[in-house]
C-alpha atoms as a PDB file:
ATOM      1  CA  MET A   1     -55.834  -7.926  55.473  1.00  0.00           C
ATOM      2  CA  LYS A   2     -55.254 -11.751  57.433  1.00  0.00           C
ATOM      3  CA  GLU A   3     -57.318 -13.986  59.877  1.00  0.00           C
ATOM      4  CA  THR A   4     -56.726 -14.674  62.581  1.00  0.00           C
ATOM      5  CA  GLN A   5     -58.051 -17.933  64.505  1.00  0.00           C
ATOM      6  CA  SER A   6     -58.169 -16.526  68.028  1.00  0.00           C
ATOM      7  CA  ALA A   7     -60.791 -16.444  70.540  1.00  0.00           C
ATOM      8  CA  ALA A   8     -60.165 -13.171  72.104  1.00  0.00           C
ATOM      9  CA  SER A   9     -60.737 -12.089  68.914  1.00  0.00           C
ATOM     10  CA  GLN A  10     -64.301 -10.315  69.131  1.00  0.00           C
ATOM     11  CA  LEU A  11     -67.010  -9.314  66.753  1.00  0.00           C
ATOM     12  CA  HIS A  12     -66.143  -5.674  65.983  1.00  0.00           C
ATOM     13  CA  LEU A  13     -69.896  -4.668  65.010  1.00  0.00           C
ATOM     14  CA  ASP A  14     -72.471  -7.047  67.522  1.00  0.00           C
ATOM     15  CA  GLY A  15     -75.210  -4.491  68.014  1.00  0.00           C
ATOM     16  CA  ASN A  16     -75.060  -4.922  70.806  1.00  0.00           C
ATOM     17  CA  PHE A  17     -73.358  -1.121  72.421  1.00  0.00           C
ATOM     18  CA  GLU A  18     -74.354   1.961  72.411  1.00  0.00           C
ATOM     19  CA  LYS A  19     -73.546   4.414  69.442  1.00  0.00           C
ATOM     20  CA  LEU A  20     -71.168   6.867  69.826  1.00  0.00           C
ATOM     21  CA  LYS A  21     -70.474  10.639  69.235  1.00  0.00           C
ATOM     22  CA  PRO A  22     -67.096  10.963  69.612  1.00  0.00           C
ATOM     23  CA  LEU A  23     -65.984  13.551  72.088  1.00  0.00           C
ATOM     24  CA  PHE A  24     -64.693  16.346  69.679  1.00  0.00           C
ATOM     25  CA  ARG A  25     -65.033  17.315  66.136  1.00  0.00           C
ATOM     26  CA  TRP A  26     -61.239  17.050  64.897  1.00  0.00           C
ATOM     27  CA  ALA A  27     -59.650  18.526  61.763  1.00  0.00           C
ATOM     28  CA  GLY A  28     -59.767  15.649  59.139  1.00  0.00           C
ATOM     29  CA  GLY A  29     -61.525  13.425  61.101  1.00  0.00           C
ATOM     30  CA  LYS A  30     -62.985  10.750  59.409  1.00  0.00           C
ATOM     31  CA  ARG A  31     -67.088  10.121  60.532  1.00  0.00           C
ATOM     32  CA  ARG A  32     -67.709  11.487  56.650  1.00  0.00           C
ATOM     33  CA  LEU A  33     -65.592   8.793  55.569  1.00  0.00           C
ATOM     34  CA  LEU A  34     -66.414   6.052  58.310  1.00  0.00           C
ATOM     35  CA  SER A  35     -69.253   4.131  54.739  1.00  0.00           C
ATOM     36  CA  GLN A  36     -66.482   3.557  52.996  1.00  0.00           C
ATOM     37  CA  ILE A  37     -63.860   1.994  55.930  1.00  0.00           C
ATOM     38  CA  LEU A  38     -66.042   0.825  57.727  1.00  0.00           C
ATOM     39  CA  PRO A  39     -66.445  -2.959  54.927  1.00  0.00           C
ATOM     40  CA  LEU A  40     -62.055  -3.060  54.766  1.00  0.00           C
ATOM     41  CA  ILE A  41     -62.773  -3.628  59.395  1.00  0.00           C
ATOM     42  CA  PRO A  42     -62.306  -7.245  59.503  1.00  0.00           C
ATOM     43  CA  LYS A  43     -65.288  -9.300  61.506  1.00  0.00           C
ATOM     44  CA  LYS A  44     -62.978  -9.845  64.748  1.00  0.00           C
ATOM     45  CA  TYR A  45     -60.153  -8.099  66.205  1.00  0.00           C
ATOM     46  CA  ASN A  46     -58.268  -8.276  69.064  1.00  0.00           C
ATOM     47  CA  HIS A  47     -57.063  -4.932  70.573  1.00  0.00           C
ATOM     48  CA  TYR A  48     -58.080  -2.186  68.603  1.00  0.00           C
ATOM     49  CA  TYR A  49     -55.031   0.505  68.212  1.00  0.00           C
ATOM     50  CA  GLU A  50     -55.734   3.973  66.784  1.00  0.00           C
ATOM     51  CA  PRO A  51     -51.985   6.246  67.553  1.00  0.00           C
ATOM     52  CA  PHE A  52     -53.725   9.678  66.209  1.00  0.00           C
ATOM     53  CA  CYS A  53     -56.963   8.791  67.428  1.00  0.00           C
ATOM     54  CA  GLY A  54     -58.073  12.837  66.961  1.00  0.00           C
ATOM     55  CA  GLY A  55     -61.637  13.057  67.721  1.00  0.00           C
ATOM     56  CA  ALA A  56     -61.018   8.970  67.347  1.00  0.00           C
ATOM     57  CA  ALA A  57     -64.621   9.034  65.244  1.00  0.00           C
ATOM     58  CA  LEU A  58     -63.908   5.064  64.477  1.00  0.00           C
ATOM     59  CA  PHE A  59     -63.037   3.875  67.515  1.00  0.00           C
ATOM     60  CA  PHE A  60     -66.408   5.614  69.183  1.00  0.00           C
ATOM     61  CA  GLU A  61     -68.721   4.141  65.798  1.00  0.00           C
ATOM     62  CA  LEU A  62     -66.847   0.580  66.164  1.00  0.00           C
ATOM     63  CA  ASN A  63     -66.908   1.292  70.414  1.00  0.00           C
ATOM     64  CA  PRO A  64     -63.914  -1.279  70.725  1.00  0.00           C
ATOM     65  CA  ALA A  65     -63.884  -3.995  73.780  1.00  0.00           C
ATOM     66  CA  ASN A  66     -60.245  -2.994  74.123  1.00  0.00           C
ATOM     67  CA  ALA A  67     -58.439  -0.519  72.895  1.00  0.00           C
ATOM     68  CA  THR A  68     -55.868   2.450  73.083  1.00  0.00           C
ATOM     69  CA  LEU A  69     -55.574   5.192  71.681  1.00  0.00           C
ATOM     70  CA  GLY A  70     -52.375   7.835  71.568  1.00  0.00           C
ATOM     71  CA  ASP A  71     -51.881  10.917  70.013  1.00  0.00           C
ATOM     72  CA  THR A  72     -48.388  14.422  70.656  1.00  0.00           C
ATOM     73  CA  ASN A  73     -51.417  17.415  71.960  1.00  0.00           C
ATOM     74  CA  GLU A  74     -51.232  16.651  75.210  1.00  0.00           C
ATOM     75  CA  GLU A  75     -54.284  18.638  76.613  1.00  0.00           C
ATOM     76  CA  LEU A  76     -56.232  16.156  73.526  1.00  0.00           C
ATOM     77  CA  ILE A  77     -54.740  12.575  75.376  1.00  0.00           C
ATOM     78  CA  ASN A  78     -55.382  14.092  78.986  1.00  0.00           C
ATOM     79  CA  CYS A  79     -58.625  15.692  78.399  1.00  0.00           C
ATOM     80  CA  TYR A  80     -59.612  11.982  77.710  1.00  0.00           C
ATOM     81  CA  LYS A  81     -58.316  10.685  80.447  1.00  0.00           C
ATOM     82  CA  GLN A  82     -59.940  12.203  82.747  1.00  0.00           C
ATOM     83  CA  VAL A  83     -63.103  12.030  81.472  1.00  0.00           C
ATOM     84  CA  LYS A  84     -62.200   8.474  82.395  1.00  0.00           C
ATOM     85  CA  ALA A  85     -61.354   8.688  85.348  1.00  0.00           C
ATOM     86  CA  SER A  86     -63.234  11.521  86.455  1.00  0.00           C
ATOM     87  CA  PRO A  87     -66.050  12.971  84.670  1.00  0.00           C
ATOM     88  CA  GLU A  88     -68.025  14.490  87.657  1.00  0.00           C
ATOM     89  CA  GLU A  89     -65.123  16.760  88.345  1.00  0.00           C
ATOM     90  CA  VAL A  90     -65.327  17.185  84.539  1.00  0.00           C
ATOM     91  CA  ILE A  91     -68.276  17.878  84.866  1.00  0.00           C
ATOM     92  CA  ALA A  92     -68.709  20.219  87.727  1.00  0.00           C
ATOM     93  CA  ALA A  93     -65.262  22.233  86.847  1.00  0.00           C
ATOM     94  CA  LEU A  94     -66.997  23.306  82.896  1.00  0.00           C
ATOM     95  CA  ARG A  95     -70.230  23.954  84.873  1.00  0.00           C
ATOM     96  CA  LYS A  96     -68.598  27.022  86.036  1.00  0.00           C
ATOM     97  CA  LEU A  97     -67.254  28.142  83.049  1.00  0.00           C
ATOM     98  CA  GLU A  98     -70.262  30.924  82.105  1.00  0.00           C
ATOM     99  CA  ASN A  99     -71.480  30.666  77.902  1.00  0.00           C
ATOM    100  CA  ILE A 100     -70.063  34.962  77.932  1.00  0.00           C
ATOM    101  CA  LYS A 101     -67.904  36.303  74.377  1.00  0.00           C
ATOM    102  CA  ALA A 102     -65.920  37.939  77.151  1.00  0.00           C
ATOM    103  CA  ASP A 103     -65.475  34.135  79.630  1.00  0.00           C
ATOM    104  CA  TYR A 104     -64.408  32.731  76.211  1.00  0.00           C
ATOM    105  CA  TYR A 105     -61.623  34.395  75.359  1.00  0.00           C
ATOM    106  CA  LYS A 106     -60.340  34.967  79.421  1.00  0.00           C
ATOM    107  CA  ILE A 107     -60.453  30.750  79.116  1.00  0.00           C
ATOM    108  CA  ARG A 108     -58.476  31.072  76.367  1.00  0.00           C
ATOM    109  CA  GLY A 109     -56.119  32.700  77.230  1.00  0.00           C
ATOM    110  CA  LYS A 110     -55.185  30.791  80.597  1.00  0.00           C
ATOM    111  CA  VAL A 111     -53.694  27.446  80.812  1.00  0.00           C
ATOM    112  CA  PRO A 112     -55.222  26.302  84.183  1.00  0.00           C
ATOM    113  CA  THR A 113     -52.493  23.462  85.942  1.00  0.00           C
ATOM    114  CA  SER A 114     -55.543  21.582  86.456  1.00  0.00           C
ATOM    115  CA  LEU A 115     -55.684  18.812  85.277  1.00  0.00           C
ATOM    116  CA  ILE A 116     -59.354  17.972  86.040  1.00  0.00           C
ATOM    117  CA  GLU A 117     -59.771  22.256  84.618  1.00  0.00           C
ATOM    118  CA  ARG A 118     -57.283  22.086  81.734  1.00  0.00           C
ATOM    119  CA  ALA A 119     -59.482  19.331  80.275  1.00  0.00           C
ATOM    120  CA  ALA A 120     -62.889  21.654  81.958  1.00  0.00           C
ATOM    121  CA  ARG A 121     -61.256  23.758  79.659  1.00  0.00           C
ATOM    122  CA  LEU A 122     -60.284  21.851  76.103  1.00  0.00           C
ATOM    123  CA  PHE A 123     -64.518  20.429  76.606  1.00  0.00           C
ATOM    124  CA  TYR A 124     -65.002  24.351  76.968  1.00  0.00           C
ATOM    125  CA  LEU A 125     -63.233  25.502  74.100  1.00  0.00           C
ATOM    126  CA  MET A 126     -64.455  22.946  71.732  1.00  0.00           C
ATOM    127  CA  GLU A 127     -68.100  23.070  72.074  1.00  0.00           C
ATOM    128  CA  LEU A 128     -67.903  28.009  71.691  1.00  0.00           C
ATOM    129  CA  SER A 129     -65.241  27.722  69.311  1.00  0.00           C
ATOM    130  CA  PHE A 130     -65.717  28.961  65.380  1.00  0.00           C
ATOM    131  CA  ASN A 131     -66.110  26.600  63.543  1.00  0.00           C
ATOM    132  CA  GLY A 132     -65.751  23.718  66.324  1.00  0.00           C
ATOM    133  CA  ILE A 133     -61.928  22.824  65.662  1.00  0.00           C
ATOM    134  CA  TYR A 134     -58.890  22.770  67.326  1.00  0.00           C
ATOM    135  CA  ARG A 135     -56.351  25.254  66.109  1.00  0.00           C
ATOM    136  CA  VAL A 136     -53.084  26.501  68.158  1.00  0.00           C
ATOM    137  CA  ASN A 137     -50.693  29.835  66.766  1.00  0.00           C
ATOM    138  CA  SER A 138     -47.003  28.951  65.987  1.00  0.00           C
ATOM    139  CA  SER A 139     -46.386  28.746  70.392  1.00  0.00           C
ATOM    140  CA  GLY A 140     -49.221  26.770  71.163  1.00  0.00           C
ATOM    141  CA  GLU A 141     -51.899  28.674  72.018  1.00  0.00           C
ATOM    142  CA  PHE A 142     -55.448  27.989  71.196  1.00  0.00           C
ATOM    143  CA  ASN A 143     -55.966  30.798  68.800  1.00  0.00           C
ATOM    144  CA  VAL A 144     -59.522  29.705  67.632  1.00  0.00           C
ATOM    145  CA  PRO A 145     -62.128  32.623  67.713  1.00  0.00           C
ATOM    146  CA  TYR A 146     -65.829  32.489  69.550  1.00  0.00           C
ATOM    147  CA  GLY A 147     -67.965  30.654  67.316  1.00  0.00           C
ATOM    148  CA  ASP A 148     -70.879  33.792  68.828  1.00  0.00           C
ATOM    149  CA  LYS A 149     -73.357  30.377  70.262  1.00  0.00           C
ATOM    150  CA  ALA A 150     -74.877  31.981  73.547  1.00  0.00           C
ATOM    151  CA  ASP A 151     -77.880  28.891  74.075  1.00  0.00           C
ATOM    152  CA  LYS A 152     -75.074  26.375  73.780  1.00  0.00           C
ATOM    153  CA  LYS A 153     -75.321  24.101  76.398  1.00  0.00           C
ATOM    154  CA  PHE A 154     -73.204  21.416  77.399  1.00  0.00           C
ATOM    155  CA  ASP A 155     -74.001  18.001  77.050  1.00  0.00           C
ATOM    156  CA  PHE A 156     -72.583  16.590  79.733  1.00  0.00           C
ATOM    157  CA  GLU A 157     -74.187  13.037  79.306  1.00  0.00           C
ATOM    158  CA  ARG A 158     -71.855  13.157  76.607  1.00  0.00           C
ATOM    159  CA  ILE A 159     -68.971  12.804  78.715  1.00  0.00           C
ATOM    160  CA  ARG A 160     -70.724  10.264  81.295  1.00  0.00           C
ATOM    161  CA  SER A 161     -71.247   8.293  77.883  1.00  0.00           C
ATOM    162  CA  VAL A 162     -67.839   8.974  76.348  1.00  0.00           C
ATOM    163  CA  SER A 163     -65.927   7.984  80.264  1.00  0.00           C
ATOM    164  CA  LYS A 164     -67.832   4.523  80.282  1.00  0.00           C
ATOM    165  CA  SER A 165     -67.281   3.831  76.218  1.00  0.00           C
ATOM    166  CA  PHE A 166     -63.468   4.500  78.820  1.00  0.00           C
ATOM    167  CA  ALA A 167     -63.124   2.100  80.720  1.00  0.00           C
ATOM    168  CA  ALA A 168     -60.970  -0.510  78.911  1.00  0.00           C
ATOM    169  CA  THR A 169     -59.175   1.890  76.797  1.00  0.00           C
ATOM    170  CA  GLN A 170     -55.498   2.727  77.474  1.00  0.00           C
ATOM    171  CA  PHE A 171     -54.220   6.320  76.211  1.00  0.00           C
ATOM    172  CA  VAL A 172     -50.529   6.818  75.116  1.00  0.00           C
ATOM    173  CA  CYS A 173     -49.352  10.912  74.574  1.00  0.00           C
ATOM    174  CA  GLY A 174     -46.519  10.535  72.469  1.00  0.00           C
ATOM    175  CA  ASP A 175     -44.824   8.800  69.016  1.00  0.00           C
ATOM    176  CA  PHE A 176     -46.716   6.276  66.870  1.00  0.00           C
ATOM    177  CA  ALA A 177     -44.464   3.905  67.119  1.00  0.00           C
ATOM    178  CA  MET A 178     -44.774   4.131  71.539  1.00  0.00           C
ATOM    179  CA  THR A 179     -48.609   4.332  71.522  1.00  0.00           C
ATOM    180  CA  VAL A 180     -48.676   0.727  68.433  1.00  0.00           C
ATOM    181  CA  LYS A 181     -45.154  -1.805  70.412  1.00  0.00           C
ATOM    182  CA  ASN A 182     -47.776  -3.782  72.200  1.00  0.00           C
ATOM    183  CA  ALA A 183     -50.064  -4.691  69.181  1.00  0.00           C
ATOM    184  CA  LYS A 184     -49.827  -8.181  68.284  1.00  0.00           C
ATOM    185  CA  GLU A 185     -50.995 -10.817  65.848  1.00  0.00           C
ATOM    186  CA  GLY A 186     -55.104 -10.527  65.199  1.00  0.00           C
ATOM    187  CA  ASP A 187     -54.768  -6.937  66.520  1.00  0.00           C
ATOM    188  CA  LEU A 188     -56.136  -4.045  64.680  1.00  0.00           C
ATOM    189  CA  VAL A 189     -53.906  -0.434  63.600  1.00  0.00           C
ATOM    190  CA  TYR A 190     -55.486   2.698  62.058  1.00  0.00           C
ATOM    191  CA  PHE A 191     -53.288   5.213  61.103  1.00  0.00           C
ATOM    192  CA  ASP A 192     -54.700   8.391  59.920  1.00  0.00           C
ATOM    193  CA  PRO A 193     -51.615  10.319  59.876  1.00  0.00           C
ATOM    194  CA  PRO A 194     -51.693  14.586  58.655  1.00  0.00           C
ATOM    195  CA  TYR A 195     -51.218  14.468  55.096  1.00  0.00           C
ATOM    196  CA  THR A 196     -48.202  16.180  54.305  1.00  0.00           C
ATOM    197  CA  VAL A 197     -46.465  14.521  50.640  1.00  0.00           C
ATOM    198  CA  ALA A 198     -43.238  14.414  48.965  1.00  0.00           C
ATOM    199  CA  HIS A 199     -43.304  17.732  47.059  1.00  0.00           C
ATOM    200  CA  GLY A 200     -45.426  19.477  48.866  1.00  0.00           C
ATOM    201  CA  ASN A 201     -48.659  19.209  45.306  1.00  0.00           C
ATOM    202  CA  ASN A 202     -51.056  19.007  49.302  1.00  0.00           C
ATOM    203  CA  GLY A 203     -53.460  21.190  50.642  1.00  0.00           C
ATOM    204  CA  PHE A 204     -52.323  20.201  53.886  1.00  0.00           C
ATOM    205  CA  ILE A 205     -48.924  21.101  53.760  1.00  0.00           C
ATOM    206  CA  GLN A 206     -48.975  24.534  54.261  1.00  0.00           C
ATOM    207  CA  TYR A 207     -50.088  23.757  58.070  1.00  0.00           C
ATOM    208  CA  ASN A 208     -48.239  19.608  59.003  1.00  0.00           C
ATOM    209  CA  GLU A 209     -45.139  20.529  57.749  1.00  0.00           C
ATOM    210  CA  ARG A 210     -43.672  21.051  60.512  1.00  0.00           C
ATOM    211  CA  ILE A 211     -46.690  18.966  62.756  1.00  0.00           C
ATOM    212  CA  PHE A 212     -45.138  15.863  60.246  1.00  0.00           C
ATOM    213  CA  SER A 213     -42.537  15.434  58.409  1.00  0.00           C
ATOM    214  CA  TRP A 214     -41.844  13.410  54.445  1.00  0.00           C
ATOM    215  CA  ALA A 215     -39.315  10.920  56.843  1.00  0.00           C
ATOM    216  CA  GLY A 216     -42.605  10.588  59.251  1.00  0.00           C
ATOM    217  CA  GLN A 217     -44.490   9.347  56.327  1.00  0.00           C
ATOM    218  CA  ILE A 218     -41.902   7.132  55.774  1.00  0.00           C
ATOM    219  CA  ARG A 219     -41.399   6.142  58.774  1.00  0.00           C
ATOM    220  CA  LEU A 220     -44.779   5.162  59.462  1.00  0.00           C
ATOM    221  CA  ALA A 221     -45.362   2.897  56.574  1.00  0.00           C
ATOM    222  CA  LYS A 222     -42.398   0.828  57.218  1.00  0.00           C
ATOM    223  CA  LEU A 223     -44.647   0.418  60.776  1.00  0.00           C
ATOM    224  CA  ALA A 224     -46.643  -0.091  59.274  1.00  0.00           C
ATOM    225  CA  GLU A 225     -45.336  -3.058  56.513  1.00  0.00           C
ATOM    226  CA  LYS A 226     -43.731  -4.749  59.638  1.00  0.00           C
ATOM    227  CA  LEU A 227     -46.975  -4.802  61.599  1.00  0.00           C
ATOM    228  CA  ALA A 228     -48.628  -6.232  59.095  1.00  0.00           C
ATOM    229  CA  GLN A 229     -45.924  -9.074  58.451  1.00  0.00           C
ATOM    230  CA  ARG A 230     -46.352  -9.322  63.172  1.00  0.00           C
ATOM    231  CA  GLY A 231     -50.487 -10.173  61.719  1.00  0.00           C
ATOM    232  CA  CYS A 232     -51.984  -7.865  62.823  1.00  0.00           C
ATOM    233  CA  TYR A 233     -54.629  -6.425  60.945  1.00  0.00           C
ATOM    234  CA  VAL A 234     -53.686  -2.739  59.513  1.00  0.00           C
ATOM    235  CA  ILE A 235     -55.636  -0.062  57.620  1.00  0.00           C
ATOM    236  CA  ILE A 236     -53.891   2.995  56.595  1.00  0.00           C
ATOM    237  CA  SER A 237     -55.671   6.614  55.401  1.00  0.00           C
ATOM    238  CA  ASN A 238     -53.721   9.405  53.759  1.00  0.00           C
ATOM    239  CA  ALA A 239     -53.133  12.345  51.489  1.00  0.00           C
ATOM    240  CA  ALA A 240     -54.594  10.850  47.235  1.00  0.00           C
ATOM    241  CA  HIS A 241     -51.193  11.183  46.348  1.00  0.00           C
ATOM    242  CA  ALA A 242     -48.076   9.735  43.857  1.00  0.00           C
ATOM    243  CA  SER A 243     -45.655   9.562  46.579  1.00  0.00           C
ATOM    244  CA  ILE A 244     -47.671   8.465  49.002  1.00  0.00           C
ATOM    245  CA  ALA A 245     -48.587   5.140  46.786  1.00  0.00           C
ATOM    246  CA  GLU A 246     -45.315   4.630  46.502  1.00  0.00           C
ATOM    247  CA  ILE A 247     -44.347   3.417  49.770  1.00  0.00           C
ATOM    248  CA  TYR A 248     -47.499   1.914  50.348  1.00  0.00           C
ATOM    249  CA  SER A 249     -46.616  -0.373  46.636  1.00  0.00           C
ATOM    250  CA  SER A 250     -47.177  -3.535  49.139  1.00  0.00           C
ATOM    251  CA  PHE A 251     -50.885  -2.221  50.556  1.00  0.00           C
ATOM    252  CA  LYS A 252     -53.821  -3.009  48.420  1.00  0.00           C
ATOM    253  CA  THR A 253     -55.380   0.097  47.210  1.00  0.00           C
ATOM    254  CA  GLN A 254     -58.938   2.132  47.707  1.00  0.00           C
ATOM    255  CA  THR A 255     -60.384   5.530  46.870  1.00  0.00           C
ATOM    256  CA  VAL A 256     -62.282   7.104  48.482  1.00  0.00           C
ATOM    257  CA  VAL A 257     -63.886  11.018  48.675  1.00  0.00           C
ATOM    258  CA  ARG A 258     -64.682  12.912  51.118  1.00  0.00           C
ATOM    259  CA  HIS A 259     -66.332  16.338  51.822  1.00  0.00           C
ATOM    260  CA  SER A 260     -63.825  19.032  53.973  1.00  0.00           C
ATOM    261  CA  ALA A 261     -65.461  20.576  56.668  1.00  0.00           C
ATOM    262  CA  VAL A 262     -61.772  22.540  57.569  1.00  0.00           C
ATOM    263  CA  GLY A 263     -62.653  25.724  55.817  1.00  0.00           C
ATOM    264  CA  GLY A 264     -64.386  28.212  57.683  1.00  0.00           C
ATOM    265  CA  LEU A 265     -66.767  29.262  55.449  1.00  0.00           C
ATOM    266  CA  PRO A 266     -69.053  26.404  53.386  1.00  0.00           C
ATOM    267  CA  LYS A 267     -67.878  27.861  49.807  1.00  0.00           C
ATOM    268  CA  ALA A 268     -64.006  27.496  51.282  1.00  0.00           C
ATOM    269  CA  ARG A 269     -64.661  23.459  51.237  1.00  0.00           C
ATOM    270  CA  LYS A 270     -64.095  21.138  48.900  1.00  0.00           C
ATOM    271  CA  HIS A 271     -64.281  17.166  48.338  1.00  0.00           C
ATOM    272  CA  ILE A 272     -61.429  15.988  48.909  1.00  0.00           C
ATOM    273  CA  ALA A 273     -60.058  11.981  47.419  1.00  0.00           C
ATOM    274  CA  GLU A 274     -57.767  10.415  49.728  1.00  0.00           C
ATOM    275  CA  PHE A 275     -56.005   6.388  49.572  1.00  0.00           C
ATOM    276  CA  VAL A 276     -57.190   3.888  52.182  1.00  0.00           C
ATOM    277  CA  PHE A 277     -54.651   1.011  52.371  1.00  0.00           C
ATOM    278  CA  THR A 278     -55.048  -2.314  53.816  1.00  0.00           C
ATOM    279  CA  LYS A 279     -53.055  -5.647  54.590  1.00  0.00           C
END
C-alpha cells in the first residue's frame, strides 16, 4: 500500500471519537474480522469509500471524517439517508410500530410510500426478524420470519449516534463504480462484494450469482487495479478461492478466518476462510 503526503490526510484512529455500533447486522458483515482488517488500514488517508457497505462495520469502527457509502439496496440506502437527515422523524415513526407478531407480518407485507416510514420499517424488521438478518425472496420482498423478541426495545439513542456519525457522509445507491468515481490519490477504498466465484465452489454461490456475477468480479478487480494506480489505498475482502486469487494476482494477499453467523441454527454455522487483498 502506498503512502501519501497529503496535508489533508486524517488519522484513522486518534482516540478522539466514540466507538459506534452499526445500525444493522448484515449477512457477510465484517464485525468478526475487524481485528484482522484494522492492521491493514493506513495510518493516514483522506476520504473513505465503501461501495458494498451493507452494515458498514468497518466504517463505524473507523468513524472517518469524510466518507462515501454505496450499495445497490435501495431500502438500506434510503434508511441511512433518512437517519442522517431526520433521526427524530425516523424515531417518531418507529414509536408508532408495535412489537407484536401479528403487526410484524402486517408491516413486513406492505412497503409504505413515505421515505421516513420506509426507513422506520426497515429498522423495525431488522430488529425483530429471526436472526436479525436482511433477506428477500425472488420478488425482492423481505421474507424473514418474526424472531419472537417480545421484550425487544428499540435503541433510539443508537439511531441518534449513527445520525451524527453520518454528518459528513455521502450515500450512493447504485453500482460500485459509481460510488468510487471521485476517488483520488490518498483516499481509502474498501470493497467487500458478495462472494461469487468462477466455478460455483463457494457456499455463497447459491444465492449471490444473481446479485453479483462473475463478470462483476472481473470488472471489480480491474477497477481496484486502476484505483491503486491512481494512488488510492485499496483493500478488498473476497472468497478464499483460486479463481479470486488469480484476478488479484498483482495485490498482496492475506488469508483470514471468521465464524459464519448466517446460518439460522448454530450448528449450521462454520468457520470460513477469506482473502483480503491490499495495494
